[in-house]
C-alpha atoms as a PDB file:
ATOM      1  CA  UNK A   1     123.442 -10.663 169.438  1.00  0.00           C
ATOM      2  CA  UNK A   2     126.148  -9.836 167.982  1.00  0.00           C
ATOM      3  CA  UNK A   3     128.465  -6.854 168.466  1.00  0.00           C
ATOM      4  CA  UNK A   4     128.659  -4.737 165.785  1.00  0.00           C
ATOM      5  CA  UNK A   5     132.445  -4.290 165.132  1.00  0.00           C
ATOM      6  CA  UNK A   6     132.194  -1.210 163.033  1.00  0.00           C
ATOM      7  CA  UNK A   7     130.038   0.924 166.224  1.00  0.00           C
ATOM      8  CA  UNK A   8     132.683  -0.229 168.809  1.00  0.00           C
ATOM      9  CA  UNK A   9     135.345   0.403 166.809  1.00  0.00           C
ATOM     10  CA  UNK A  10     133.988   3.974 166.433  1.00  0.00           C
ATOM     11  CA  UNK A  11     133.958   3.757 170.366  1.00  0.00           C
ATOM     12  CA  UNK A  12     136.920   2.395 170.661  1.00  0.00           C
ATOM     13  CA  UNK A  13     138.267   5.329 168.420  1.00  0.00           C
ATOM     14  CA  UNK A  14     136.815   7.317 170.609  1.00  0.00           C
ATOM     15  CA  UNK A  15     138.223   7.201 173.510  1.00  0.00           C
ATOM     16  CA  UNK A  16     141.641   6.575 172.683  1.00  0.00           C
ATOM     17  CA  UNK A  17     142.809   9.336 171.420  1.00  0.00           C
ATOM     18  CA  UNK A  18     141.863  11.300 175.265  1.00  0.00           C
ATOM     19  CA  UNK A  19     144.002   8.655 177.016  1.00  0.00           C
ATOM     20  CA  UNK A  20     147.172   8.100 174.079  1.00  0.00           C
ATOM     21  CA  UNK A  21     146.651  12.190 175.400  1.00  0.00           C
ATOM     22  CA  UNK A  22     148.136  11.437 178.763  1.00  0.00           C
ATOM     23  CA  UNK A  23     150.504   8.492 177.365  1.00  0.00           C
ATOM     24  CA  UNK A  24     147.972   6.418 178.830  1.00  0.00           C
ATOM     25  CA  UNK A  25     146.003   3.118 176.155  1.00  0.00           C
ATOM     26  CA  UNK A  26     143.480   0.233 175.869  1.00  0.00           C
ATOM     27  CA  UNK A  27     142.954  -2.839 174.877  1.00  0.00           C
ATOM     28  CA  UNK A  28     139.248  -4.251 174.325  1.00  0.00           C
ATOM     29  CA  UNK A  29     138.670  -8.324 174.678  1.00  0.00           C
ATOM     30  CA  UNK A  30     135.029  -8.824 172.753  1.00  0.00           C
ATOM     31  CA  UNK A  31     132.880 -12.481 173.451  1.00  0.00           C
ATOM     32  CA  UNK A  32     130.417 -14.588 172.088  1.00  0.00           C
ATOM     33  CA  UNK A  33     128.168 -13.138 174.259  1.00  0.00           C
ATOM     34  CA  UNK A  34     128.355  -9.496 174.001  1.00  0.00           C
ATOM     35  CA  UNK A  35     131.031  -9.507 176.655  1.00  0.00           C
ATOM     36  CA  UNK A  36     133.840  -6.278 177.139  1.00  0.00           C
ATOM     37  CA  UNK A  37     136.930  -6.803 178.865  1.00  0.00           C
ATOM     38  CA  UNK A  38     138.867  -3.393 178.672  1.00  0.00           C
ATOM     39  CA  UNK A  39     142.569  -3.578 179.837  1.00  0.00           C
ATOM     40  CA  UNK A  40     144.509  -0.425 180.588  1.00  0.00           C
ATOM     41  CA  UNK A  41     147.773   0.008 179.228  1.00  0.00           C
ATOM     42  CA  UNK A  42     150.607   2.686 179.708  1.00  0.00           C
ATOM     43  CA  UNK A  43     150.016   5.809 182.290  1.00  0.00           C
ATOM     44  CA  UNK A  44     146.608   4.444 183.276  1.00  0.00           C
ATOM     45  CA  UNK A  45     147.256   1.565 184.119  1.00  0.00           C
ATOM     46  CA  UNK A  46     148.452   3.042 187.572  1.00  0.00           C
ATOM     47  CA  UNK A  47     146.965   6.811 186.931  1.00  0.00           C
ATOM     48  CA  UNK A  48     144.634   7.733 190.062  1.00  0.00           C
ATOM     49  CA  UNK A  49     141.440   8.486 188.359  1.00  0.00           C
ATOM     50  CA  UNK A  50     141.362   5.062 186.597  1.00  0.00           C
ATOM     51  CA  UNK A  51     138.147   4.833 187.781  1.00  0.00           C
ATOM     52  CA  UNK A  52     136.910   7.461 187.126  1.00  0.00           C
ATOM     53  CA  UNK A  53     137.428   7.264 182.899  1.00  0.00           C
ATOM     54  CA  UNK A  54     136.658   3.893 182.429  1.00  0.00           C
ATOM     55  CA  UNK A  55     132.935   5.063 184.058  1.00  0.00           C
ATOM     56  CA  UNK A  56     132.452   8.342 183.009  1.00  0.00           C
ATOM     57  CA  UNK A  57     134.227   7.338 179.225  1.00  0.00           C
ATOM     58  CA  UNK A  58     135.296   4.019 178.219  1.00  0.00           C
ATOM     59  CA  UNK A  59     132.366   2.261 179.469  1.00  0.00           C
ATOM     60  CA  UNK A  60     129.286   4.716 178.689  1.00  0.00           C
ATOM     61  CA  UNK A  61     130.958   4.259 174.852  1.00  0.00           C
ATOM     62  CA  UNK A  62     131.666   0.619 174.825  1.00  0.00           C
ATOM     63  CA  UNK A  63     127.537   0.241 176.896  1.00  0.00           C
ATOM     64  CA  UNK A  64     126.194   1.912 174.214  1.00  0.00           C
ATOM     65  CA  UNK A  65     127.824  -0.314 170.994  1.00  0.00           C
ATOM     66  CA  UNK A  66     124.603  -2.544 169.941  1.00  0.00           C
ATOM     67  CA  UNK A  67     125.561  -6.479 170.905  1.00  0.00           C
ATOM     68  CA  UNK A  68     127.465  -4.887 174.261  1.00  0.00           C
ATOM     69  CA  UNK A  69     126.010  -7.102 177.287  1.00  0.00           C
ATOM     70  CA  UNK A  70     128.495  -6.058 179.934  1.00  0.00           C
ATOM     71  CA  UNK A  71     131.583  -4.018 180.028  1.00  0.00           C
ATOM     72  CA  UNK A  72     134.679  -5.057 182.430  1.00  0.00           C
ATOM     73  CA  UNK A  73     137.974  -3.854 183.415  1.00  0.00           C
ATOM     74  CA  UNK A  74     139.511  -6.440 186.421  1.00  0.00           C
ATOM     75  CA  UNK A  75     142.375  -3.558 186.960  1.00  0.00           C
ATOM     76  CA  UNK A  76     139.371  -1.662 188.517  1.00  0.00           C
ATOM     77  CA  UNK A  77     138.988  -2.285 192.116  1.00  0.00           C
ATOM     78  CA  UNK A  78     135.933   0.457 192.824  1.00  0.00           C
ATOM     79  CA  UNK A  79     132.448  -1.437 193.438  1.00  0.00           C
ATOM     80  CA  UNK A  80     130.164  -1.405 191.544  1.00  0.00           C
ATOM     81  CA  UNK A  81     128.202   1.074 193.529  1.00  0.00           C
ATOM     82  CA  UNK A  82     131.398   3.035 193.741  1.00  0.00           C
ATOM     83  CA  UNK A  83     131.460   3.290 189.349  1.00  0.00           C
ATOM     84  CA  UNK A  84     127.379   4.173 189.801  1.00  0.00           C
ATOM     85  CA  UNK A  85     127.903   7.046 192.091  1.00  0.00           C
ATOM     86  CA  UNK A  86     131.062   8.293 189.262  1.00  0.00           C
ATOM     87  CA  UNK A  87     128.221   8.527 186.664  1.00  0.00           C
ATOM     88  CA  UNK A  88     125.603  10.139 188.520  1.00  0.00           C
ATOM     89  CA  UNK A  89     128.196  12.536 189.448  1.00  0.00           C
ATOM     90  CA  UNK A  90     129.607  13.244 186.031  1.00  0.00           C
ATOM     91  CA  UNK A  91     125.733  13.334 184.301  1.00  0.00           C
ATOM     92  CA  UNK A  92     125.972   9.895 182.432  1.00  0.00           C
ATOM     93  CA  UNK A  93     122.950   7.409 182.850  1.00  0.00           C
ATOM     94  CA  UNK A  94     123.440   3.593 181.960  1.00  0.00           C
ATOM     95  CA  UNK A  95     122.417   3.267 178.376  1.00  0.00           C
ATOM     96  CA  UNK A  96     123.079   6.686 176.733  1.00  0.00           C
ATOM     97  CA  UNK A  97     125.854   9.002 176.113  1.00  0.00           C
ATOM     98  CA  UNK A  98     126.469  12.279 178.759  1.00  0.00           C
ATOM     99  CA  UNK A  99     124.890  15.526 176.871  1.00  0.00           C
ATOM    100  CA  UNK A 100     127.887  17.117 175.281  1.00  0.00           C
ATOM    101  CA  UNK A 101     129.297  14.319 174.040  1.00  0.00           C
ATOM    102  CA  UNK A 102     129.243  13.163 170.839  1.00  0.00           C
ATOM    103  CA  UNK A 103     126.986   9.586 170.299  1.00  0.00           C
ATOM    104  CA  UNK A 104     128.900   6.634 168.395  1.00  0.00           C
ATOM    105  CA  UNK A 105     129.170   6.718 164.866  1.00  0.00           C
ATOM    106  CA  UNK A 106     128.493  10.645 164.786  1.00  0.00           C
ATOM    107  CA  UNK A 107     133.010  11.550 166.136  1.00  0.00           C
ATOM    108  CA  UNK A 108     133.252  15.969 166.578  1.00  0.00           C
ATOM    109  CA  UNK A 109     134.992  17.552 164.288  1.00  0.00           C
ATOM    110  CA  UNK A 110     138.900  17.082 163.907  1.00  0.00           C
ATOM    111  CA  UNK A 111     138.902  13.341 166.074  1.00  0.00           C
ATOM    112  CA  UNK A 112     139.763  10.969 163.917  1.00  0.00           C
ATOM    113  CA  UNK A 113     138.192   8.515 162.467  1.00  0.00           C
END
């Protein structure tokens, strides 16, 4: 199964304004196998909350895209256990978008599509 490019674009369009609101940004590179590599730019590169943003928002939304096999970010130096702990504390379950946040394909009112 290949990554659904439209759904990936929707996920990125949801996440990017939140990063850009803090003078940051990101790029996503997708392999043929469905592995997505996230690279943070701007203020995100030195942000002390980068792991929280990655685990709680970026990884959550990108993982929910059909065809995505894995999501990694080389700039994140937290262990998988730490990232899992962050996700648990934020109420994020693997393969699902947290309660109260929009699902991919249905951006909330006011979010640019």
